[in-house]
Amino acid sequence: MTPSQELIHRYLLHVRFEKRLADRTVSLYTEDLNKLNLLATEADLASLTLIEAAHIRRWMAHMHAGGRSPRGIALILSGWRGFFNWLGKEGLILANPLSGLRAPKAAKPLPKALNVDDAVQLAQYRPTDIPPWLQARDTAMVELLYSSGLRVGELMGLDVQAHAEAKGWIDLQTGEAHVLGKGSKRRSVPVGQQALAALHAWLAVRSDGLPASAAEQTALFVGQRGTRLTAQAVWQRLRLRGLQAGIATPVHPHMLRHSFASHVLQSSGDLRGVQELLGHANISTTQVYTRLDYQHLAKTYDAAHPRARKKTP
């Protein structure tokens, strides 16, 4: 066993028995440290303790050029960083060569949004195998999420009426939702006519089939026991509704928020307005929807422009 292999062996014993890491994690560390040892050998380094930041940067660049994902590189660096931290505590190196080094930034995935037809199909779907009050409640939730771009937590925080302790409420007269968003910031957003109609229909049957105690429940959206609906329950109801409505993409509450933002931006082009409606503190958070908007325009161009269409053989 070489000196470097001996160091790796000692470190793996440390993480397995002293830090009590899972076997799977130890296996990943073993693989990554063996890779590190191979790279050091190829660089003519007699010991892993001789590795410097310049070596790590070069190896990072090679991994990136070889197609390794930013996330994969970040995981490898994390394993290496722990090893060098241990070497420092053992007094074998003066500084961690990974100090200050970061993996390449991963491209942020585009938010998943429904197209307009699917969003409308989801809102208009009316299952026949559930009680009328449950159908009315689920329809009101879908319409409100899509109409106003609410977060699921904001939806669940809504009360039937405004009061001193209310996190949020719907003003049916003015057609506005008043919600408490991230950072305890309040904002008001418009509620569309279809959503208002669905809310009126839900409020008309809200007490049907519920326990008598539910009459005093302040929550706008309640479950069969008369208690405030949970975020998990909303996820489950939307996922089921999407499947039953024939939507190919699994539906979740935030997807309707993304759909709201994308469709409003496509129609208006008002990025600042969408930022305000979503309650984003920074415009950079909202700008991701411009990529969705461009993607939509690019597809339209490819389908419609005579010089963009592929020739059929």
C-alpha atoms as a PDB file:
ATOM      1  CA  MET A   1       0.000   0.000   0.000  1.00  0.00           C
ATOM      2  CA  THR A   2       1.431   3.368  -1.053  1.00  0.00           C
ATOM      3  CA  PRO A   3       1.557   6.339   1.341  1.00  0.00           C
ATOM      4  CA  SER A   4      -1.351   7.966  -0.511  1.00  0.00           C
ATOM      5  CA  GLN A   5      -3.407   4.777  -0.363  1.00  0.00           C
ATOM      6  CA  GLU A   6      -2.653   4.577   3.344  1.00  0.00           C
ATOM      7  CA  LEU A   7      -3.995   8.111   3.848  1.00  0.00           C
ATOM      8  CA  ILE A   8      -7.170   7.277   1.939  1.00  0.00           C
ATOM      9  CA  HIS A   9      -7.626   4.101   3.967  1.00  0.00           C
ATOM     10  CA  ARG A  10      -7.240   5.982   7.264  1.00  0.00           C
ATOM     11  CA  TYR A  11      -9.698   8.669   6.162  1.00  0.00           C
ATOM     12  CA  LEU A  12     -12.309   6.129   5.089  1.00  0.00           C
ATOM     13  CA  LEU A  13     -12.028   4.423   8.463  1.00  0.00           C
ATOM     14  CA  HIS A  14     -12.549   7.833  10.048  1.00  0.00           C
ATOM     15  CA  VAL A  15     -15.752   8.622   8.114  1.00  0.00           C
ATOM     16  CA  ARG A  16     -17.108   5.087   8.527  1.00  0.00           C
ATOM     17  CA  PHE A  17     -16.568   4.594  12.255  1.00  0.00           C
ATOM     18  CA  GLU A  18     -16.101   8.039  13.763  1.00  0.00           C
ATOM     19  CA  LYS A  19     -18.466  10.078  11.599  1.00  0.00           C
ATOM     20  CA  ARG A  20     -20.696   7.035  11.023  1.00  0.00           C
ATOM     21  CA  LEU A  21     -21.502   7.878   7.426  1.00  0.00           C
ATOM     22  CA  ALA A  22     -23.718   5.542   5.440  1.00  0.00           C
ATOM     23  CA  ASP A  23     -22.140   2.698   3.477  1.00  0.00           C
ATOM     24  CA  ARG A  24     -23.303   4.262   0.222  1.00  0.00           C
ATOM     25  CA  THR A  25     -21.599   7.542   1.096  1.00  0.00           C
ATOM     26  CA  VAL A  26     -18.375   5.757   2.048  1.00  0.00           C
ATOM     27  CA  SER A  27     -18.451   3.897  -1.268  1.00  0.00           C
ATOM     28  CA  LEU A  28     -18.795   7.178  -3.171  1.00  0.00           C
ATOM     29  CA  TYR A  29     -15.934   8.716  -1.168  1.00  0.00           C
ATOM     30  CA  THR A  30     -13.797   5.656  -1.937  1.00  0.00           C
ATOM     31  CA  GLU A  31     -14.431   6.002  -5.655  1.00  0.00           C
ATOM     32  CA  ASP A  32     -13.765   9.753  -5.688  1.00  0.00           C
ATOM     33  CA  LEU A  33     -10.570   9.497  -3.606  1.00  0.00           C
ATOM     34  CA  ASN A  34      -9.216   6.679  -5.771  1.00  0.00           C
ATOM     35  CA  LYS A  35      -9.833   8.967  -8.742  1.00  0.00           C
ATOM     36  CA  LEU A  36      -7.968  11.735  -6.927  1.00  0.00           C
ATOM     37  CA  ASN A  37      -5.043   9.399  -6.279  1.00  0.00           C
ATOM     38  CA  LEU A  38      -4.934   8.406  -9.947  1.00  0.00           C
ATOM     39  CA  LEU A  39      -4.914  12.047 -11.037  1.00  0.00           C
ATOM     40  CA  ALA A  40      -2.123  12.823  -8.572  1.00  0.00           C
ATOM     41  CA  THR A  41      -0.076   9.894  -9.864  1.00  0.00           C
ATOM     42  CA  GLU A  42      -0.537  11.046 -13.458  1.00  0.00           C
ATOM     43  CA  ALA A  43       0.660  14.503 -12.374  1.00  0.00           C
ATOM     44  CA  ASP A  44       3.824  12.927 -10.865  1.00  0.00           C
ATOM     45  CA  LEU A  45       2.871  13.920  -7.337  1.00  0.00           C
ATOM     46  CA  ALA A  46       4.496  11.615  -4.805  1.00  0.00           C
ATOM     47  CA  SER A  47       1.782  12.219  -2.197  1.00  0.00           C
ATOM     48  CA  LEU A  48      -1.752  13.556  -1.981  1.00  0.00           C
ATOM     49  CA  THR A  49      -0.431  16.083   0.513  1.00  0.00           C
ATOM     50  CA  LEU A  50       1.397  17.813  -2.356  1.00  0.00           C
ATOM     51  CA  ILE A  51      -1.791  18.657  -4.260  1.00  0.00           C
ATOM     52  CA  GLU A  52      -2.299  22.396  -4.776  1.00  0.00           C
ATOM     53  CA  ALA A  53      -5.224  24.545  -5.905  1.00  0.00           C
ATOM     54  CA  ALA A  54      -3.800  24.739  -9.452  1.00  0.00           C
ATOM     55  CA  HIS A  55      -4.004  20.948  -9.761  1.00  0.00           C
ATOM     56  CA  ILE A  56      -7.626  20.933  -8.602  1.00  0.00           C
ATOM     57  CA  ARG A  57      -8.558  23.670 -11.094  1.00  0.00           C
ATOM     58  CA  ARG A  58      -6.939  21.742 -13.943  1.00  0.00           C
ATOM     59  CA  TRP A  59      -8.738  18.535 -13.012  1.00  0.00           C
ATOM     60  CA  MET A  60     -12.035  20.385 -12.676  1.00  0.00           C
ATOM     61  CA  ALA A  61     -11.579  21.790 -16.181  1.00  0.00           C
ATOM     62  CA  HIS A  62     -10.824  18.327 -17.581  1.00  0.00           C
ATOM     63  CA  MET A  63     -13.920  16.856 -15.920  1.00  0.00           C
ATOM     64  CA  HIS A  64     -16.067  19.683 -17.254  1.00  0.00           C
ATOM     65  CA  ALA A  65     -14.645  19.347 -20.778  1.00  0.00           C
ATOM     66  CA  GLY A  66     -15.208  15.609 -20.588  1.00  0.00           C
ATOM     67  CA  GLY A  67     -18.922  16.086 -20.090  1.00  0.00           C
ATOM     68  CA  ARG A  68     -19.188  15.718 -16.327  1.00  0.00           C
ATOM     69  CA  SER A  69     -22.185  17.707 -15.089  1.00  0.00           C
ATOM     70  CA  PRO A  70     -21.703  20.673 -12.726  1.00  0.00           C
ATOM     71  CA  ARG A  71     -23.626  18.770 -10.077  1.00  0.00           C
ATOM     72  CA  GLY A  72     -21.399  15.719 -10.519  1.00  0.00           C
ATOM     73  CA  ILE A  73     -18.277  17.871 -10.200  1.00  0.00           C
ATOM     74  CA  ALA A  74     -19.694  19.541  -7.095  1.00  0.00           C
ATOM     75  CA  LEU A  75     -20.249  16.146  -5.445  1.00  0.00           C
ATOM     76  CA  ILE A  76     -16.683  15.056  -6.219  1.00  0.00           C
ATOM     77  CA  LEU A  77     -15.265  18.307  -4.845  1.00  0.00           C
ATOM     78  CA  SER A  78     -17.341  17.873  -1.705  1.00  0.00           C
ATOM     79  CA  GLY A  79     -15.751  14.466  -1.084  1.00  0.00           C
ATOM     80  CA  TRP A  80     -12.273  15.791  -1.773  1.00  0.00           C
ATOM     81  CA  ARG A  81     -12.825  18.839   0.445  1.00  0.00           C
ATOM     82  CA  GLY A  82     -13.700  16.640   3.410  1.00  0.00           C
ATOM     83  CA  PHE A  83     -10.569  14.570   2.854  1.00  0.00           C
ATOM     84  CA  PHE A  84      -8.307  17.622   2.781  1.00  0.00           C
ATOM     85  CA  ASN A  85     -10.026  19.077   5.852  1.00  0.00           C
ATOM     86  CA  TRP A  86      -9.136  15.856   7.635  1.00  0.00           C
ATOM     87  CA  LEU A  87      -5.532  16.071   6.412  1.00  0.00           C
ATOM     88  CA  GLY A  88      -5.382  19.574   7.880  1.00  0.00           C
ATOM     89  CA  LYS A  89      -6.683  18.415  11.248  1.00  0.00           C
ATOM     90  CA  GLU A  90      -4.081  15.644  11.201  1.00  0.00           C
ATOM     91  CA  GLY A  91      -1.405  18.275  10.665  1.00  0.00           C
ATOM     92  CA  LEU A  92      -0.398  16.848   7.289  1.00  0.00           C
ATOM     93  CA  ILE A  93      -1.146  19.950   5.195  1.00  0.00           C
ATOM     94  CA  LEU A  94      -1.123  23.662   5.950  1.00  0.00           C
ATOM     95  CA  ALA A  95      -4.101  24.676   3.790  1.00  0.00           C
ATOM     96  CA  ASN A  96      -6.971  23.003   1.971  1.00  0.00           C
ATOM     97  CA  PRO A  97      -6.302  23.289  -1.809  1.00  0.00           C
ATOM     98  CA  LEU A  98     -10.057  23.396  -2.387  1.00  0.00           C
ATOM     99  CA  SER A  99     -10.555  26.446  -0.219  1.00  0.00           C
ATOM    100  CA  GLY A 100     -12.518  29.001  -2.234  1.00  0.00           C
ATOM    101  CA  LEU A 101     -12.971  26.679  -5.242  1.00  0.00           C
ATOM    102  CA  ARG A 102     -16.470  26.059  -6.555  1.00  0.00           C
ATOM    103  CA  ALA A 103     -17.829  23.750  -9.214  1.00  0.00           C
ATOM    104  CA  PRO A 104     -19.086  25.293 -12.472  1.00  0.00           C
ATOM    105  CA  LYS A 105     -22.550  26.743 -12.079  1.00  0.00           C
ATOM    106  CA  ALA A 106     -25.308  24.445 -13.203  1.00  0.00           C
ATOM    107  CA  ALA A 107     -27.811  25.894 -15.632  1.00  0.00           C
ATOM    108  CA  LYS A 108     -31.054  26.630 -13.853  1.00  0.00           C
ATOM    109  CA  PRO A 109     -33.807  24.419 -15.221  1.00  0.00           C
ATOM    110  CA  LEU A 110     -36.751  26.188 -16.775  1.00  0.00           C
ATOM    111  CA  PRO A 111     -39.872  26.188 -14.615  1.00  0.00           C
ATOM    112  CA  LYS A 112     -42.414  23.660 -15.795  1.00  0.00           C
ATOM    113  CA  ALA A 113     -45.575  25.353 -17.021  1.00  0.00           C
ATOM    114  CA  LEU A 114     -48.682  24.014 -18.699  1.00  0.00           C
ATOM    115  CA  ASN A 115     -49.590  25.330 -22.105  1.00  0.00           C
ATOM    116  CA  VAL A 116     -52.740  27.420 -22.279  1.00  0.00           C
ATOM    117  CA  ASP A 117     -54.930  24.591 -23.601  1.00  0.00           C
ATOM    118  CA  ASP A 118     -53.858  22.203 -20.829  1.00  0.00           C
ATOM    119  CA  ALA A 119     -54.332  24.860 -18.144  1.00  0.00           C
ATOM    120  CA  VAL A 120     -57.867  25.572 -19.377  1.00  0.00           C
ATOM    121  CA  GLN A 121     -58.596  21.855 -19.663  1.00  0.00           C
ATOM    122  CA  LEU A 122     -57.487  21.333 -16.061  1.00  0.00           C
ATOM    123  CA  ALA A 123     -59.646  24.212 -14.816  1.00  0.00           C
ATOM    124  CA  GLN A 124     -62.723  23.140 -16.783  1.00  0.00           C
ATOM    125  CA  TYR A 125     -62.532  19.462 -15.831  1.00  0.00           C
ATOM    126  CA  ARG A 126     -65.492  18.314 -13.759  1.00  0.00           C
ATOM    127  CA  PRO A 127     -65.226  14.804 -12.254  1.00  0.00           C
ATOM    128  CA  THR A 128     -68.541  13.040 -11.706  1.00  0.00           C
ATOM    129  CA  ASP A 129     -67.416  10.501  -9.116  1.00  0.00           C
ATOM    130  CA  ILE A 130     -66.897  12.881  -6.171  1.00  0.00           C
ATOM    131  CA  PRO A 131     -69.358  14.828  -3.969  1.00  0.00           C
ATOM    132  CA  PRO A 132     -70.462  18.216  -5.374  1.00  0.00           C
ATOM    133  CA  TRP A 133     -68.844  20.156  -2.509  1.00  0.00           C
ATOM    134  CA  LEU A 134     -65.473  18.473  -3.174  1.00  0.00           C
ATOM    135  CA  GLN A 135     -65.747  19.208  -6.876  1.00  0.00           C
ATOM    136  CA  ALA A 136     -66.557  22.847  -6.105  1.00  0.00           C
ATOM    137  CA  ARG A 137     -63.634  23.148  -3.699  1.00  0.00           C
ATOM    138  CA  ASP A 138     -61.062  21.628  -6.070  1.00  0.00           C
ATOM    139  CA  THR A 139     -62.302  23.735  -8.973  1.00  0.00           C
ATOM    140  CA  ALA A 140     -62.037  26.906  -6.887  1.00  0.00           C
ATOM    141  CA  MET A 141     -58.480  26.012  -5.865  1.00  0.00           C
ATOM    142  CA  VAL A 142     -57.354  25.357  -9.440  1.00  0.00           C
ATOM    143  CA  GLU A 143     -59.016  28.492 -10.773  1.00  0.00           C
ATOM    144  CA  LEU A 144     -57.508  30.637  -8.024  1.00  0.00           C
ATOM    145  CA  LEU A 145     -53.990  29.214  -8.380  1.00  0.00           C
ATOM    146  CA  TYR A 146     -54.040  29.763 -12.129  1.00  0.00           C
ATOM    147  CA  SER A 147     -55.891  33.085 -11.985  1.00  0.00           C
ATOM    148  CA  SER A 148     -53.674  34.792  -9.424  1.00  0.00           C
ATOM    149  CA  GLY A 149     -50.374  32.892  -9.386  1.00  0.00           C
ATOM    150  CA  LEU A 150     -50.512  32.116  -5.682  1.00  0.00           C
ATOM    151  CA  ARG A 151     -48.030  29.903  -3.883  1.00  0.00           C
ATOM    152  CA  VAL A 152     -49.610  26.868  -2.256  1.00  0.00           C
ATOM    153  CA  GLY A 153     -48.799  28.295   1.202  1.00  0.00           C
ATOM    154  CA  GLU A 154     -50.552  31.535   0.288  1.00  0.00           C
ATOM    155  CA  LEU A 155     -53.576  29.589  -0.916  1.00  0.00           C
ATOM    156  CA  MET A 156     -53.748  27.578   2.297  1.00  0.00           C
ATOM    157  CA  GLY A 157     -53.417  30.736   4.396  1.00  0.00           C
ATOM    158  CA  LEU A 158     -56.590  32.288   2.985  1.00  0.00           C
ATOM    159  CA  ASP A 159     -59.540  32.787   5.312  1.00  0.00           C
ATOM    160  CA  VAL A 160     -63.169  33.221   4.394  1.00  0.00           C
ATOM    161  CA  GLN A 161     -63.215  36.792   5.695  1.00  0.00           C
ATOM    162  CA  ALA A 162     -60.689  39.426   6.674  1.00  0.00           C
ATOM    163  CA  HIS A 163     -59.923  39.653  10.387  1.00  0.00           C
ATOM    164  CA  ALA A 164     -57.074  40.787  12.603  1.00  0.00           C
ATOM    165  CA  GLU A 165     -55.255  37.424  12.637  1.00  0.00           C
ATOM    166  CA  ALA A 166     -55.902  36.538   8.995  1.00  0.00           C
ATOM    167  CA  LYS A 167     -52.858  35.743   6.858  1.00  0.00           C
ATOM    168  CA  GLY A 168     -54.928  36.268   3.739  1.00  0.00           C
ATOM    169  CA  TRP A 169     -58.436  36.574   2.376  1.00  0.00           C
ATOM    170  CA  ILE A 170     -60.429  37.117  -0.811  1.00  0.00           C
ATOM    171  CA  ASP A 171     -62.341  40.359  -1.348  1.00  0.00           C
ATOM    172  CA  LEU A 172     -65.155  39.148  -3.582  1.00  0.00           C
ATOM    173  CA  GLN A 173     -66.454  42.666  -4.095  1.00  0.00           C
ATOM    174  CA  THR A 174     -63.242  44.111  -5.510  1.00  0.00           C
ATOM    175  CA  GLY A 175     -62.018  40.839  -7.019  1.00  0.00           C
ATOM    176  CA  GLU A 176     -58.706  40.823  -5.152  1.00  0.00           C
ATOM    177  CA  ALA A 177     -56.749  38.260  -3.166  1.00  0.00           C
ATOM    178  CA  HIS A 178     -54.796  39.622  -0.208  1.00  0.00           C
ATOM    179  CA  VAL A 179     -52.014  37.213   0.738  1.00  0.00           C
ATOM    180  CA  LEU A 180     -49.012  36.914   3.030  1.00  0.00           C
ATOM    181  CA  GLY A 181     -46.048  35.822   0.927  1.00  0.00           C
ATOM    182  CA  LYS A 182     -42.403  34.991   1.504  1.00  0.00           C
ATOM    183  CA  GLY A 183     -40.611  37.145   4.034  1.00  0.00           C
ATOM    184  CA  SER A 184     -43.995  37.980   5.596  1.00  0.00           C
ATOM    185  CA  LYS A 185     -44.606  40.437   2.765  1.00  0.00           C
ATOM    186  CA  ARG A 186     -48.211  41.239   1.964  1.00  0.00           C
ATOM    187  CA  ARG A 187     -49.452  41.822  -1.549  1.00  0.00           C
ATOM    188  CA  SER A 188     -52.758  42.081  -3.365  1.00  0.00           C
ATOM    189  CA  VAL A 189     -53.395  40.381  -6.693  1.00  0.00           C
ATOM    190  CA  PRO A 190     -56.432  40.426  -8.983  1.00  0.00           C
ATOM    191  CA  VAL A 191     -58.759  37.438  -9.168  1.00  0.00           C
ATOM    192  CA  GLY A 192     -60.239  36.630 -12.570  1.00  0.00           C
ATOM    193  CA  GLN A 193     -63.955  36.302 -13.272  1.00  0.00           C
ATOM    194  CA  GLN A 194     -63.826  32.513 -13.667  1.00  0.00           C
ATOM    195  CA  ALA A 195     -62.035  32.177 -10.342  1.00  0.00           C
ATOM    196  CA  LEU A 196     -64.531  34.499  -8.638  1.00  0.00           C
ATOM    197  CA  ALA A 197     -67.419  32.439 -10.006  1.00  0.00           C
ATOM    198  CA  ALA A 198     -65.748  29.245  -8.764  1.00  0.00           C
ATOM    199  CA  LEU A 199     -65.212  30.804  -5.323  1.00  0.00           C
ATOM    200  CA  HIS A 200     -68.856  31.836  -5.088  1.00  0.00           C
ATOM    201  CA  ALA A 201     -69.865  28.276  -6.019  1.00  0.00           C
ATOM    202  CA  TRP A 202     -67.523  26.843  -3.384  1.00  0.00           C
ATOM    203  CA  LEU A 203     -68.711  29.159  -0.622  1.00  0.00           C
ATOM    204  CA  ALA A 204     -72.312  28.231  -1.403  1.00  0.00           C
ATOM    205  CA  VAL A 205     -71.641  24.560  -0.595  1.00  0.00           C
ATOM    206  CA  ARG A 206     -68.644  24.858   1.738  1.00  0.00           C
ATOM    207  CA  SER A 207     -70.559  23.674   4.819  1.00  0.00           C
ATOM    208  CA  ASP A 208     -72.267  20.764   3.070  1.00  0.00           C
ATOM    209  CA  GLY A 209     -71.229  17.428   4.528  1.00  0.00           C
ATOM    210  CA  LEU A 210     -68.868  18.987   7.060  1.00  0.00           C
ATOM    211  CA  PRO A 211     -68.990  18.550  10.855  1.00  0.00           C
ATOM    212  CA  ALA A 212     -71.043  21.153  12.714  1.00  0.00           C
ATOM    213  CA  SER A 213     -67.846  22.470  14.303  1.00  0.00           C
ATOM    214  CA  ALA A 214     -66.562  23.432  10.862  1.00  0.00           C
ATOM    215  CA  ALA A 215     -69.033  26.299  10.730  1.00  0.00           C
ATOM    216  CA  GLU A 216     -66.654  28.273  12.942  1.00  0.00           C
ATOM    217  CA  GLN A 217     -63.570  27.319  10.893  1.00  0.00           C
ATOM    218  CA  THR A 218     -62.087  30.450   9.395  1.00  0.00           C
ATOM    219  CA  ALA A 219     -60.114  28.724   6.631  1.00  0.00           C
ATOM    220  CA  LEU A 220     -61.352  29.250   3.095  1.00  0.00           C
ATOM    221  CA  PHE A 221     -60.323  25.787   1.955  1.00  0.00           C
ATOM    222  CA  VAL A 222     -61.106  22.929   4.320  1.00  0.00           C
ATOM    223  CA  GLY A 223     -61.010  19.146   4.169  1.00  0.00           C
ATOM    224  CA  GLN A 224     -63.702  16.603   4.956  1.00  0.00           C
ATOM    225  CA  ARG A 225     -63.052  16.961   8.691  1.00  0.00           C
ATOM    226  CA  GLY A 226     -63.606  20.681   8.528  1.00  0.00           C
ATOM    227  CA  THR A 227     -59.973  21.620   9.229  1.00  0.00           C
ATOM    228  CA  ARG A 228     -57.724  23.809   7.105  1.00  0.00           C
ATOM    229  CA  LEU A 229     -56.464  21.954   4.071  1.00  0.00           C
ATOM    230  CA  THR A 230     -52.745  21.099   4.062  1.00  0.00           C
ATOM    231  CA  ALA A 231     -50.285  21.734   1.246  1.00  0.00           C
ATOM    232  CA  GLN A 232     -49.796  17.989   0.869  1.00  0.00           C
ATOM    233  CA  ALA A 233     -53.526  17.511   0.356  1.00  0.00           C
ATOM    234  CA  VAL A 234     -53.547  20.185  -2.355  1.00  0.00           C
ATOM    235  CA  TRP A 235     -50.643  18.465  -4.133  1.00  0.00           C
ATOM    236  CA  GLN A 236     -52.501  15.153  -4.032  1.00  0.00           C
ATOM    237  CA  ARG A 237     -55.763  16.625  -5.313  1.00  0.00           C
ATOM    238  CA  LEU A 238     -54.062  18.453  -8.192  1.00  0.00           C
ATOM    239  CA  ARG A 239     -52.026  15.407  -9.189  1.00  0.00           C
ATOM    240  CA  LEU A 240     -55.188  13.276  -9.290  1.00  0.00           C
ATOM    241  CA  ARG A 241     -57.171  15.937 -11.147  1.00  0.00           C
ATOM    242  CA  GLY A 242     -54.435  16.278 -13.749  1.00  0.00           C
ATOM    243  CA  LEU A 243     -54.382  12.535 -14.374  1.00  0.00           C
ATOM    244  CA  GLN A 244     -58.166  12.340 -14.637  1.00  0.00           C
ATOM    245  CA  ALA A 245     -58.277  15.372 -16.939  1.00  0.00           C
ATOM    246  CA  GLY A 246     -55.824  13.705 -19.310  1.00  0.00           C
ATOM    247  CA  ILE A 247     -52.925  16.113 -18.730  1.00  0.00           C
ATOM    248  CA  ALA A 248     -49.723  14.361 -19.798  1.00  0.00           C
ATOM    249  CA  THR A 249     -47.488  16.297 -17.387  1.00  0.00           C
ATOM    250  CA  PRO A 250     -47.858  15.597 -13.630  1.00  0.00           C
ATOM    251  CA  VAL A 251     -49.546  18.681 -12.195  1.00  0.00           C
ATOM    252  CA  HIS A 252     -48.573  20.361  -8.930  1.00  0.00           C
ATOM    253  CA  PRO A 253     -49.556  23.725  -7.375  1.00  0.00           C
ATOM    254  CA  HIS A 254     -46.384  25.591  -8.343  1.00  0.00           C
ATOM    255  CA  MET A 255     -46.870  24.519 -11.954  1.00  0.00           C
ATOM    256  CA  LEU A 256     -50.049  26.609 -12.027  1.00  0.00           C
ATOM    257  CA  ARG A 257     -48.083  29.561 -10.625  1.00  0.00           C
ATOM    258  CA  HIS A 258     -45.516  29.074 -13.402  1.00  0.00           C
ATOM    259  CA  SER A 259     -48.324  28.799 -15.960  1.00  0.00           C
ATOM    260  CA  PHE A 260     -49.916  32.002 -14.685  1.00  0.00           C
ATOM    261  CA  ALA A 261     -46.625  33.913 -14.956  1.00  0.00           C
ATOM    262  CA  SER A 262     -45.719  32.507 -18.358  1.00  0.00           C
ATOM    263  CA  HIS A 263     -49.123  33.147 -19.932  1.00  0.00           C
ATOM    264  CA  VAL A 264     -49.438  36.675 -18.539  1.00  0.00           C
ATOM    265  CA  LEU A 265     -45.939  37.513 -19.778  1.00  0.00           C
ATOM    266  CA  GLN A 266     -46.647  36.058 -23.217  1.00  0.00           C
ATOM    267  CA  SER A 267     -49.752  38.197 -23.512  1.00  0.00           C
ATOM    268  CA  SER A 268     -48.512  41.429 -21.951  1.00  0.00           C
ATOM    269  CA  GLY A 269     -44.728  41.447 -22.191  1.00  0.00           C
ATOM    270  CA  ASP A 270     -44.766  43.345 -18.869  1.00  0.00           C
ATOM    271  CA  LEU A 271     -41.965  41.750 -16.854  1.00  0.00           C
ATOM    272  CA  ARG A 272     -42.203  44.287 -14.006  1.00  0.00           C
ATOM    273  CA  GLY A 273     -45.924  43.703 -13.746  1.00  0.00           C
ATOM    274  CA  VAL A 274     -45.444  39.945 -13.517  1.00  0.00           C
ATOM    275  CA  GLN A 275     -42.772  40.492 -10.856  1.00  0.00           C
ATOM    276  CA  GLU A 276     -45.238  42.486  -8.764  1.00  0.00           C
ATOM    277  CA  LEU A 277     -48.018  39.949  -9.221  1.00  0.00           C
ATOM    278  CA  LEU A 278     -45.754  37.071  -8.163  1.00  0.00           C
ATOM    279  CA  GLY A 279     -44.307  38.984  -5.220  1.00  0.00           C
ATOM    280  CA  HIS A 280     -40.683  38.487  -6.317  1.00  0.00           C
ATOM    281  CA  ALA A 281     -38.222  40.706  -4.473  1.00  0.00           C
ATOM    282  CA  ASN A 282     -35.751  40.667  -7.379  1.00  0.00           C
ATOM    283  CA  ILE A 283     -36.493  41.025 -11.097  1.00  0.00           C
ATOM    284  CA  SER A 284     -33.854  38.350 -11.797  1.00  0.00           C
ATOM    285  CA  THR A 285     -36.162  35.759 -10.248  1.00  0.00           C
ATOM    286  CA  THR A 286     -38.927  36.735 -12.666  1.00  0.00           C
ATOM    287  CA  GLN A 287     -36.641  36.843 -15.708  1.00  0.00           C
ATOM    288  CA  VAL A 288     -36.639  33.055 -15.948  1.00  0.00           C
ATOM    289  CA  TYR A 289     -40.091  33.396 -17.494  1.00  0.00           C
ATOM    290  CA  THR A 290     -38.623  35.380 -20.384  1.00  0.00           C
ATOM    291  CA  ARG A 291     -36.767  32.193 -21.303  1.00  0.00           C
ATOM    292  CA  LEU A 292     -40.079  30.334 -21.322  1.00  0.00           C
ATOM    293  CA  ASP A 293     -41.587  33.131 -23.393  1.00  0.00           C
ATOM    294  CA  TYR A 294     -38.688  32.965 -25.873  1.00  0.00           C
ATOM    295  CA  GLN A 295     -39.029  29.183 -26.023  1.00  0.00           C
ATOM    296  CA  HIS A 296     -42.710  29.622 -26.889  1.00  0.00           C
ATOM    297  CA  LEU A 297     -41.895  32.167 -29.594  1.00  0.00           C
ATOM    298  CA  ALA A 298     -39.149  29.951 -31.002  1.00  0.00           C
ATOM    299  CA  LYS A 299     -41.570  27.046 -31.376  1.00  0.00           C
ATOM    300  CA  THR A 300     -44.089  29.337 -33.063  1.00  0.00           C
ATOM    301  CA  TYR A 301     -41.372  30.560 -35.436  1.00  0.00           C
ATOM    302  CA  ASP A 302     -40.207  27.042 -36.269  1.00  0.00           C
ATOM    303  CA  ALA A 303     -43.771  25.965 -37.020  1.00  0.00           C
ATOM    304  CA  ALA A 304     -44.810  29.023 -39.029  1.00  0.00           C
ATOM    305  CA  HIS A 305     -41.844  30.598 -40.822  1.00  0.00           C
ATOM    306  CA  PRO A 306     -41.417  29.230 -44.347  1.00  0.00           C
ATOM    307  CA  ARG A 307     -37.622  29.322 -44.078  1.00  0.00           C
ATOM    308  CA  ALA A 308     -37.597  27.611 -40.677  1.00  0.00           C
ATOM    309  CA  ARG A 309     -39.747  24.596 -41.432  1.00  0.00           C
ATOM    310  CA  LYS A 310     -37.932  21.384 -42.156  1.00  0.00           C
ATOM    311  CA  LYS A 311     -38.310  20.108 -45.665  1.00  0.00           C
ATOM    312  CA  THR A 312     -40.171  16.848 -45.994  1.00  0.00           C
ATOM    313  CA  PRO A 313     -38.299  14.232 -48.054  1.00  0.00           C
END
